[in-house]
């Protein structure tokens, strides 16, 4: 238990003061773990505080509409996390409002995998379940000098066994948080601070003098270069946005500026942008000259975006999504937006992008037609 004690002693002295560490509420601990997936602590803090203020209990979250949740999540990315969090909250509320206290019970909820289940069970309920996230994986791969792919079955068993060895059954939640904290602050991917590490004496990679060679680098998916045309249609002081369908592969339910793909890795996709926009969204489009350009990344896709002002006459039904509308800055603040929207509008002259929400001038909203938003 000496190394486990050393780790906890270090954690007690150096732990960061974070809001989810000041509570034993399993809902708030679960929320923090979901938000922290693939996201830095500094980024999560303002989102976590706003979310807890708006939805202080799992019942409050369950009563909300999914669009409210997505709006509050807007800018944090990986929107599927928010949808699954909301679905799980409704499942919990329907079952009486108690968040499961076992790893097995947590795994039965939408969006909760092995890591989140172990983290919530150990931190909120004191269950002796070791966690395995990217930070813990890196720390333990270095301690073991593990030359295998850490995601392979055999390597995973070795890592989980090592994590279990460092778990103090009296303080399992703190033990797990200590390992994660160590990876986040000292055992970084580059230039780890080995001399300050409480596990230094047992770390094989440190003894070898090359800790950065562990873990084995992931094989990265080859990136794709996409060139898009984004059309900015203005009416008065509002801009036209469309809502992505619920079954979209990416960013389902978020609002975006109309766009089409011009090229993928240099291969042309749309020779006539106006016709492509009409095919995608309906209506008759006119596309002006390019006014700005931005870069954006989504997973393995590198987007080069040409921004054009455009005109639109509704000549038929909208072909994508169930809603469209005109929104000013205030109106956009109440929507779950693709982060690309902010980049594009920031790149344009600010003069035409202010003031109040403008409703679409079309006739009364009909199925698959622009909806009125006020």
Protein backbone atom coordinates (compact mmCIF):
# COMPACT_ATOMS: atom_id res chain seq x y z
CA UNK A 1 0.00 0.00 0.00
CA UNK A 2 3.03 2.31 0.20
CA UNK A 3 2.72 3.61 -3.34
CA UNK A 4 -1.04 4.10 -2.89
CA UNK A 5 -0.32 6.06 0.30
CA UNK A 6 2.35 8.14 -1.46
CA UNK A 7 -0.09 8.94 -4.26
CA UNK A 8 -2.83 10.04 -1.84
CA UNK A 9 -0.40 12.11 0.23
CA UNK A 10 0.67 13.91 -2.94
CA UNK A 11 -2.97 14.42 -3.98
CA UNK A 12 -3.95 15.84 -0.59
CA UNK A 13 -1.19 18.42 -0.91
CA UNK A 14 -1.52 19.33 -4.59
CA UNK A 15 -5.11 18.68 -5.69
CA UNK A 16 -6.71 21.44 -7.70
CA UNK A 17 -9.73 23.14 -6.15
CA UNK A 18 -12.50 22.23 -8.59
CA UNK A 19 -16.26 22.66 -8.00
CA UNK A 20 -17.11 18.99 -8.53
CA UNK A 21 -14.59 18.09 -5.82
CA UNK A 22 -16.52 20.13 -3.28
CA UNK A 23 -19.60 17.95 -3.48
CA UNK A 24 -20.68 14.36 -2.91
CA UNK A 25 -23.76 14.79 -5.15
CA UNK A 26 -23.56 11.93 -7.69
CA UNK A 27 -25.43 14.03 -10.29
CA UNK A 28 -22.84 16.81 -10.23
CA UNK A 29 -19.96 14.33 -10.21
CA UNK A 30 -21.49 12.49 -13.18
CA UNK A 31 -22.04 15.78 -15.02
CA UNK A 32 -18.41 16.79 -14.53
CA UNK A 33 -17.14 13.44 -15.80
CA UNK A 34 -19.25 13.68 -18.95
CA UNK A 35 -18.13 17.25 -19.63
CA UNK A 36 -14.46 16.42 -19.03
CA UNK A 37 -14.38 13.70 -21.68
CA UNK A 38 -12.03 14.90 -24.46
CA UNK A 39 -12.10 18.42 -22.98
CA UNK A 40 -9.71 20.40 -20.79
CA UNK A 41 -10.64 21.39 -17.23
CA UNK A 42 -10.19 25.09 -18.01
CA UNK A 43 -12.71 24.82 -20.84
CA UNK A 44 -15.24 22.87 -18.78
CA UNK A 45 -15.39 25.14 -15.71
CA UNK A 46 -17.71 27.90 -17.05
CA UNK A 47 -19.96 25.36 -18.78
CA UNK A 48 -20.23 23.27 -15.61
CA UNK A 49 -21.12 26.27 -13.45
CA UNK A 50 -23.78 27.50 -15.89
CA UNK A 51 -25.23 24.02 -16.29
CA UNK A 52 -25.52 23.40 -12.55
CA UNK A 53 -27.12 26.80 -12.07
CA UNK A 54 -29.73 26.07 -14.75
CA UNK A 55 -30.27 22.37 -13.90
CA UNK A 56 -29.26 21.90 -10.23
CA UNK A 57 -30.72 18.37 -9.97
CA UNK A 58 -31.15 15.38 -12.22
CA UNK A 59 -34.91 15.96 -12.10
CA UNK A 60 -34.45 19.52 -13.39
CA UNK A 61 -32.37 18.18 -16.27
CA UNK A 62 -34.95 15.49 -17.03
CA UNK A 63 -37.75 18.07 -17.23
CA UNK A 64 -35.86 20.23 -19.73
CA UNK A 65 -36.31 19.98 -23.48
CA UNK A 66 -33.29 18.60 -25.31
CA UNK A 67 -32.85 21.89 -27.21
CA UNK A 68 -32.45 23.74 -23.90
CA UNK A 69 -29.71 21.30 -22.96
CA UNK A 70 -27.96 21.62 -26.33
CA UNK A 71 -28.11 25.41 -26.11
CA UNK A 72 -26.37 25.41 -22.74
CA UNK A 73 -23.84 22.91 -24.11
CA UNK A 74 -23.19 25.01 -27.22
CA UNK A 75 -19.46 25.62 -27.61
CA UNK A 76 -18.38 22.63 -25.53
CA UNK A 77 -18.47 20.26 -28.51
CA UNK A 78 -19.24 16.58 -28.89
CA UNK A 79 -22.98 17.25 -28.64
CA UNK A 80 -23.84 13.58 -28.46
CA UNK A 81 -22.63 13.68 -24.84
CA UNK A 82 -25.34 16.24 -24.03
CA UNK A 83 -28.05 14.21 -25.73
CA UNK A 84 -27.09 11.04 -23.89
CA UNK A 85 -26.80 12.89 -20.59
CA UNK A 86 -30.34 14.20 -21.08
CA UNK A 87 -31.66 10.76 -22.09
CA UNK A 88 -30.03 9.19 -19.03
CA UNK A 89 -31.50 11.87 -16.75
CA UNK A 90 -34.98 11.09 -18.06
CA UNK A 91 -34.41 7.39 -17.51
CA UNK A 92 -33.25 8.06 -13.94
CA UNK A 93 -36.21 10.36 -13.24
CA UNK A 94 -38.65 7.78 -14.60
CA UNK A 95 -37.15 5.18 -12.25
CA UNK A 96 -37.58 7.37 -9.17
CA UNK A 97 -34.75 9.91 -9.43
CA UNK A 98 -31.88 7.98 -7.77
CA UNK A 99 -28.66 7.72 -9.73
CA UNK A 100 -27.42 4.10 -9.62
CA UNK A 101 -24.71 3.43 -7.05
CA UNK A 102 -23.06 0.42 -8.74
CA UNK A 103 -20.86 0.16 -11.80
CA UNK A 104 -23.37 -2.25 -13.36
CA UNK A 105 -26.30 0.08 -12.73
CA UNK A 106 -24.47 3.07 -14.18
CA UNK A 107 -23.42 1.11 -17.27
CA UNK A 108 -27.11 0.53 -18.04
CA UNK A 109 -27.63 4.27 -18.63
CA UNK A 110 -27.28 5.92 -22.07
CA UNK A 111 -23.82 7.29 -22.77
CA UNK A 112 -22.09 5.79 -19.71
CA UNK A 113 -19.12 3.55 -20.45
CA UNK A 114 -16.62 1.75 -18.28
CA UNK A 115 -14.60 4.85 -17.37
CA UNK A 116 -17.55 7.05 -16.39
CA UNK A 117 -19.23 4.24 -14.45
CA UNK A 118 -16.08 3.55 -12.42
CA UNK A 119 -15.42 7.26 -11.83
CA UNK A 120 -18.93 8.05 -10.59
CA UNK A 121 -19.23 4.86 -8.52
CA UNK A 122 -15.88 5.41 -6.81
CA UNK A 123 -16.07 9.17 -6.25
CA UNK A 124 -19.76 9.46 -5.35
CA UNK A 125 -20.37 6.11 -3.66
CA UNK A 126 -16.96 4.82 -2.51
CA UNK A 127 -16.97 1.76 -4.77
CA UNK A 128 -13.47 0.30 -5.22
CA UNK A 129 -13.47 0.39 -9.02
CA UNK A 130 -10.31 1.54 -10.86
CA UNK A 131 -10.69 4.07 -13.68
CA UNK A 132 -8.92 4.13 -17.02
CA UNK A 133 -8.90 7.40 -18.94
CA UNK A 134 -6.17 8.88 -21.15
CA UNK A 135 -4.28 10.43 -18.23
CA UNK A 136 -4.32 7.25 -16.16
CA UNK A 137 -3.34 5.18 -19.19
CA UNK A 138 -0.29 7.37 -19.78
CA UNK A 139 0.84 7.26 -16.12
CA UNK A 140 0.53 3.49 -15.88
CA UNK A 141 2.08 2.76 -19.28
CA UNK A 142 5.13 4.66 -18.07
CA UNK A 143 5.18 2.99 -14.66
CA UNK A 144 5.12 -0.42 -16.36
CA UNK A 145 7.21 0.62 -19.40
CA UNK A 146 4.42 -1.05 -21.37
CA UNK A 147 5.45 -1.38 -25.01
CA UNK A 148 2.11 -2.83 -26.16
CA UNK A 149 -0.84 -0.99 -27.63
CA UNK A 150 -2.65 0.12 -24.42
CA UNK A 151 -6.01 -0.45 -26.10
CA UNK A 152 -5.35 -4.14 -26.77
CA UNK A 153 -7.08 -6.66 -24.53
CA UNK A 154 -3.94 -7.98 -22.83
CA UNK A 155 -2.49 -4.52 -22.20
CA UNK A 156 -5.81 -3.30 -20.82
CA UNK A 157 -5.85 -6.07 -18.22
CA UNK A 158 -2.32 -5.16 -17.11
CA UNK A 159 -3.22 -1.47 -16.83
CA UNK A 160 -6.40 -2.14 -14.86
CA UNK A 161 -4.50 -4.45 -12.51
CA UNK A 162 -1.89 -1.71 -11.95
CA UNK A 163 -4.64 0.83 -11.30
CA UNK A 164 -6.27 -1.54 -8.82
CA UNK A 165 -2.93 -1.90 -6.99
CA UNK A 166 -2.84 1.87 -6.49
CA UNK A 167 -6.44 2.01 -5.24
CA UNK A 168 -6.86 2.57 -1.51
CA UNK A 169 -10.14 0.80 -0.61
CA UNK A 170 -10.69 3.37 2.14
CA UNK A 171 -10.56 6.25 -0.37
CA UNK A 172 -11.18 4.80 -3.84
CA UNK A 173 -12.57 8.01 -5.30
CA UNK A 174 -9.57 10.02 -4.17
CA UNK A 175 -7.18 7.34 -5.43
CA UNK A 176 -8.76 7.50 -8.89
CA UNK A 177 -8.75 11.28 -8.91
CA UNK A 178 -5.13 11.30 -7.77
CA UNK A 179 -4.05 9.19 -10.75
CA UNK A 180 -6.02 11.40 -13.15
CA UNK A 181 -4.59 14.52 -11.52
CA UNK A 182 -1.08 13.14 -11.81
CA UNK A 183 -1.51 12.59 -15.54
CA UNK A 184 -3.05 16.01 -16.04
CA UNK A 185 -0.43 18.00 -14.12
CA UNK A 186 2.89 16.14 -13.84
CA UNK A 187 2.94 13.10 -16.13
CA UNK A 188 2.16 15.11 -19.26
CA UNK A 189 2.62 13.77 -22.80
CA UNK A 190 5.67 15.99 -23.33
CA UNK A 191 8.37 16.90 -20.80
CA UNK A 192 6.86 15.15 -17.76
CA UNK A 193 7.98 16.47 -14.37
CA UNK A 194 9.35 13.13 -13.17
CA UNK A 195 11.33 14.49 -10.23
CA UNK A 196 8.10 15.75 -8.61
CA UNK A 197 6.15 12.53 -9.16
CA UNK A 198 5.08 10.48 -6.10
CA UNK A 199 5.43 7.28 -8.18
CA UNK A 200 8.96 8.02 -9.39
CA UNK A 201 10.66 5.24 -7.40
CA UNK A 202 8.56 2.54 -9.09
CA UNK A 203 8.41 4.02 -12.60
CA UNK A 204 10.31 1.89 -15.12
CA UNK A 205 10.09 4.46 -17.91
CA UNK A 206 11.72 7.08 -15.68
CA UNK A 207 14.51 4.62 -14.87
CA UNK A 208 15.01 4.02 -18.60
CA UNK A 209 15.30 7.78 -19.09
CA UNK A 210 12.74 7.97 -21.90
CA UNK A 211 9.24 8.34 -20.45
CA UNK A 212 7.94 10.16 -23.54
CA UNK A 213 8.21 6.96 -25.57
CA UNK A 214 5.25 5.57 -23.59
CA UNK A 215 2.45 4.86 -24.26
CA UNK A 216 2.80 3.46 -27.78
CA UNK A 217 1.58 6.22 -30.16
CA UNK A 218 -1.87 5.76 -31.62
CA UNK A 219 -2.22 5.18 -35.35
CA UNK A 220 -3.92 8.34 -36.50
CA UNK A 221 -6.62 8.29 -39.12
CA UNK A 222 -5.47 10.13 -42.19
CA UNK A 223 -7.05 13.57 -42.31
CA UNK A 224 -9.35 14.80 -45.03
CA UNK A 225 -9.35 18.31 -46.47
CA UNK A 226 -12.84 19.62 -47.21
CA UNK A 227 -13.48 22.91 -48.95
CA UNK A 228 -16.93 24.32 -48.14
CA UNK A 229 -19.00 27.25 -49.26
CA UNK A 230 -21.02 28.83 -46.46
CA UNK A 231 -23.84 31.15 -47.51
CA UNK A 232 -24.79 34.09 -45.27
CA UNK A 233 -28.31 35.27 -46.06
CA UNK A 234 -29.30 38.47 -44.26
CA UNK A 235 -32.69 40.04 -43.74
CA UNK A 236 -32.69 43.33 -41.95
CA UNK A 237 -30.44 42.63 -39.00
CA UNK A 238 -30.92 38.86 -38.84
CA UNK A 239 -29.16 35.94 -40.56
CA UNK A 240 -30.74 32.74 -41.82
CA UNK A 241 -29.97 29.55 -39.90
CA UNK A 242 -31.13 25.97 -40.40
CA UNK A 243 -31.52 23.28 -37.76
CA UNK A 244 -29.73 20.01 -38.47
CA UNK A 245 -31.99 16.93 -38.41
CA UNK A 246 -32.05 14.70 -35.34
CA UNK A 247 -30.56 11.82 -37.32
CA UNK A 248 -27.49 13.75 -38.48
CA UNK A 249 -24.20 11.94 -38.00
CA UNK A 250 -22.57 15.12 -36.67
CA UNK A 251 -24.03 17.92 -34.55
CA UNK A 252 -27.61 16.63 -34.62
CA UNK A 253 -30.14 19.26 -33.55
CA UNK A 254 -27.73 22.20 -33.74
CA UNK A 255 -28.32 25.30 -35.84
CA UNK A 256 -26.00 26.23 -38.67
CA UNK A 257 -25.50 28.53 -41.64
CA UNK A 258 -26.39 26.93 -44.99
CA UNK A 259 -23.42 25.28 -46.67
CA UNK A 260 -22.34 22.91 -49.42
CA UNK A 261 -19.15 20.97 -50.07
CA UNK A 262 -17.07 22.25 -52.99
CA UNK A 263 -14.15 19.81 -52.81
CA UNK A 264 -12.89 16.84 -50.80
CA UNK A 265 -9.13 16.34 -50.99
CA UNK A 266 -9.06 18.33 -54.22
CA UNK A 267 -11.86 16.35 -55.91
CA UNK A 268 -14.74 18.66 -57.00
CA UNK A 269 -18.14 18.04 -55.41
CA UNK A 270 -20.38 20.96 -56.40
CA UNK A 271 -19.70 22.79 -59.65
CA UNK A 272 -22.72 25.11 -59.21
CA UNK A 273 -23.02 26.24 -55.55
CA UNK A 274 -26.42 27.91 -56.07
CA UNK A 275 -27.88 24.70 -57.51
CA UNK A 276 -26.27 22.64 -54.75
CA UNK A 277 -27.78 24.91 -52.07
CA UNK A 278 -31.19 24.63 -53.74
CA UNK A 279 -30.90 20.86 -53.82
CA UNK A 280 -29.87 20.71 -50.18
CA UNK A 281 -32.23 23.29 -48.67
CA UNK A 282 -34.89 24.15 -51.26
CA UNK A 283 -35.63 27.59 -52.70
CA UNK A 284 -33.83 29.59 -55.39
CA UNK A 285 -30.37 30.84 -54.45
CA UNK A 286 -28.03 33.51 -55.71
CA UNK A 287 -24.45 33.41 -54.45
CA UNK A 288 -22.32 36.54 -54.32
CA UNK A 289 -18.56 36.90 -54.38
CA UNK A 290 -16.38 35.40 -51.66
CA UNK A 291 -16.13 37.84 -48.75
CA UNK A 292 -14.08 35.93 -46.17
CA UNK A 293 -12.45 32.62 -45.38
CA UNK A 294 -12.06 30.61 -42.15
CA UNK A 295 -10.51 27.30 -41.08
CA UNK A 296 -12.27 24.78 -38.89
CA UNK A 297 -11.65 21.24 -37.70
CA UNK A 298 -14.16 18.47 -36.97
CA UNK A 299 -12.63 15.14 -35.91
CA UNK A 300 -10.34 14.14 -38.82
CA UNK A 301 -11.78 16.71 -41.23
CA UNK A 302 -9.88 19.94 -41.95
CA UNK A 303 -12.40 22.45 -43.30
CA UNK A 304 -11.41 25.35 -45.53
CA UNK A 305 -14.48 27.56 -45.62
CA UNK A 306 -15.26 30.16 -48.27
CA UNK A 307 -17.79 32.64 -46.90
CA UNK A 308 -20.23 34.21 -49.40
CA UNK A 309 -23.16 36.53 -48.95
CA UNK A 310 -26.19 35.04 -50.69
CA UNK A 311 -29.80 35.68 -51.58
CA UNK A 312 -32.72 33.28 -51.33
CA UNK A 313 -36.25 33.18 -52.69
CA UNK A 314 -38.46 30.45 -51.30
CA UNK A 315 -39.82 28.53 -54.24
CA UNK A 316 -40.56 25.22 -52.60
CA UNK A 317 -40.28 23.27 -49.39
CA UNK A 318 -37.16 23.13 -47.27
CA UNK A 319 -35.39 19.85 -47.93
CA UNK A 320 -33.19 19.64 -44.83
CA UNK A 321 -34.45 19.82 -41.30
CA UNK A 322 -37.78 20.86 -39.87
CA UNK A 323 -36.94 24.43 -38.97
CA UNK A 324 -35.25 27.56 -40.25
CA UNK A 325 -35.34 31.14 -39.05
CA UNK A 326 -33.74 34.58 -38.96
CA UNK A 327 -31.72 35.38 -35.85
CA UNK A 328 -29.74 38.32 -34.58
CA UNK A 329 -26.99 38.08 -31.95
CA UNK A 330 -29.49 37.88 -29.10
CA UNK A 331 -31.50 35.20 -30.86
CA UNK A 332 -28.43 33.15 -31.65
CA UNK A 333 -27.43 33.20 -27.98
CA UNK A 334 -30.53 31.12 -27.24
CA UNK A 335 -29.70 28.39 -29.77
CA UNK A 336 -27.40 25.36 -29.79
CA UNK A 337 -25.01 26.51 -32.52
CA UNK A 338 -22.28 24.87 -34.47
CA UNK A 339 -19.08 26.69 -33.46
CA UNK A 340 -18.45 27.31 -37.15
CA UNK A 341 -21.31 29.83 -37.12
CA UNK A 342 -19.43 32.10 -34.72
CA UNK A 343 -16.22 31.88 -36.77
CA UNK A 344 -17.99 32.77 -40.00
CA UNK A 345 -19.96 35.69 -38.61
CA UNK A 346 -16.90 37.05 -36.82
CA UNK A 347 -15.05 37.01 -40.15
CA UNK A 348 -17.70 39.23 -41.77
CA UNK A 349 -18.11 42.96 -41.27
CA UNK A 350 -20.00 43.40 -37.99
CA UNK A 351 -22.40 46.02 -39.33
CA UNK A 352 -25.10 43.64 -40.55
CA UNK A 353 -25.08 41.16 -37.69
CA UNK A 354 -26.64 42.97 -34.72
CA UNK A 355 -30.02 43.81 -33.10
CA UNK A 356 -33.19 41.82 -32.64
CA UNK A 357 -34.49 38.52 -33.99
CA UNK A 358 -36.28 38.74 -37.32
CA UNK A 359 -38.99 36.23 -38.15
CA UNK A 360 -39.05 34.72 -41.63
CA UNK A 361 -41.39 36.65 -43.99
CA UNK A 362 -42.78 33.46 -45.42
CA UNK A 363 -46.42 32.58 -44.97
CA UNK A 364 -47.57 30.70 -41.89
CA UNK A 365 -45.12 27.94 -41.04
CA UNK A 366 -45.88 24.62 -42.66
CA UNK A 367 -44.31 21.21 -42.54
CA UNK A 368 -40.73 21.41 -43.76
CA UNK A 369 -40.98 25.16 -44.27
CA UNK A 370 -39.11 27.96 -42.46
CA UNK A 371 -40.43 28.26 -38.92
CA UNK A 372 -41.07 31.54 -37.13
CA UNK A 373 -38.66 32.21 -34.27
CA UNK A 374 -39.20 35.18 -31.93
